[in-house]
Amino acid sequence: MATTALEQELKEMIIDALELEDVTPEDIDPDEPLFVEGLGLDSIDALELGLALQKRYGITLESDAESSRQHFANLRSLAALVEARRAQ
């Protein structure tokens, strides 16, 4: 499946917000996990990513909610969250 414009935008936001110097947007597979395996992000990265989402899209997430874990599972699920919140 091709990367959407929103997914590309999120890839760039992740790289900028987390200051991932050795990562390019092409390195981020939309279906790979963002945390532990895949991109290898950790809990501090999750907080920074949450702040970036809030600043850019006005999205707030509960840090301990199970739904937040699902939204951060991979880039596609994050893009689906942004799309859903935009539609509200």
Protein backbone atom coordinates (compact mmCIF):
# COMPACT_ATOMS: atom_id res chain seq x y z
CA MET A 1 0.00 0.00 0.00
CA ALA A 2 1.35 3.43 -0.92
CA THR A 3 2.20 5.97 1.75
CA THR A 4 -0.44 8.67 2.05
CA ALA A 5 0.34 12.38 2.38
CA LEU A 6 -0.69 12.22 6.04
CA GLU A 7 1.60 9.26 6.69
CA GLN A 8 4.48 11.15 5.05
CA GLU A 9 3.68 14.18 7.21
CA LEU A 10 3.64 11.99 10.35
CA LYS A 11 6.96 10.38 9.41
CA GLU A 12 8.56 13.81 9.14
CA MET A 13 6.94 14.92 12.41
CA ILE A 14 8.28 11.83 14.21
CA ILE A 15 11.80 12.42 12.90
CA ASP A 16 11.71 16.13 13.82
CA ALA A 17 10.03 15.76 17.21
CA LEU A 18 12.32 12.94 18.34
CA GLU A 19 15.42 14.33 16.64
CA LEU A 20 16.14 11.03 14.88
CA GLU A 21 19.30 12.02 13.03
CA ASP A 22 19.98 8.69 11.33
CA VAL A 23 16.40 8.04 10.20
CA THR A 24 14.76 9.17 6.96
CA PRO A 25 11.03 9.05 6.19
CA GLU A 26 11.74 6.12 3.86
CA ASP A 27 13.17 4.17 6.82
CA ILE A 28 9.82 4.19 8.61
CA ASP A 29 7.61 1.32 7.44
CA PRO A 30 3.95 2.28 8.03
CA ASP A 31 3.11 -1.27 9.17
CA GLU A 32 6.13 -1.86 11.44
CA PRO A 33 5.82 -1.23 15.19
CA LEU A 34 6.95 2.19 16.36
CA PHE A 35 8.03 0.95 19.80
CA VAL A 36 10.54 -1.67 20.96
CA GLU A 37 10.93 -3.51 17.62
CA GLY A 38 10.54 -1.73 14.32
CA LEU A 39 11.55 1.90 14.88
CA GLY A 40 12.64 1.09 18.43
CA LEU A 41 11.06 4.01 20.27
CA ASP A 42 10.70 4.01 24.08
CA SER A 43 8.36 5.54 26.68
CA ILE A 44 10.15 8.91 26.66
CA ASP A 45 9.70 9.01 22.88
CA ALA A 46 5.99 8.26 23.41
CA LEU A 47 5.63 11.33 25.62
CA GLU A 48 7.44 13.55 23.11
CA LEU A 49 5.39 12.13 20.26
CA GLY A 50 2.20 12.76 22.22
CA LEU A 51 3.23 16.39 22.74
CA ALA A 52 4.01 16.76 19.03
CA LEU A 53 0.56 15.37 18.12
CA GLN A 54 -1.08 17.77 20.54
CA LYS A 55 0.85 20.75 19.20
CA ARG A 56 0.36 19.96 15.53
CA TYR A 57 -3.10 18.37 15.42
CA GLY A 58 -4.70 19.31 18.75
CA ILE A 59 -4.91 15.64 19.74
CA THR A 60 -4.60 14.70 23.39
CA LEU A 61 -4.21 11.10 24.50
CA GLU A 62 -4.40 9.50 27.92
CA SER A 63 -0.95 8.08 28.61
CA ASP A 64 -2.22 5.03 30.48
CA ALA A 65 -5.20 4.24 28.25
CA GLU A 66 -5.11 0.99 26.27
CA SER A 67 -6.45 2.88 23.25
CA SER A 68 -3.30 5.04 23.27
CA ARG A 69 -1.17 1.92 22.93
CA GLN A 70 -3.24 0.85 19.95
CA HIS A 71 -2.95 4.28 18.31
CA PHE A 72 0.83 4.20 18.71
CA ALA A 73 1.15 0.62 17.42
CA ASN A 74 2.41 1.74 14.01
CA LEU A 75 2.33 4.67 11.62
CA ARG A 76 -0.90 3.55 9.92
CA SER A 77 -2.80 3.41 13.23
CA LEU A 78 -1.44 6.84 14.14
CA ALA A 79 -2.59 8.20 10.76
CA ALA A 80 -6.03 6.64 11.32
CA LEU A 81 -6.26 8.44 14.68
CA VAL A 82 -5.40 11.80 13.14
CA GLU A 83 -7.93 11.23 10.34
CA ALA A 84 -10.65 10.27 12.82
CA ARG A 85 -10.01 13.31 15.02
CA ARG A 86 -10.00 15.61 11.98
CA ALA A 87 -13.41 14.31 11.00
CA GLN A 88 -14.93 15.20 14.39
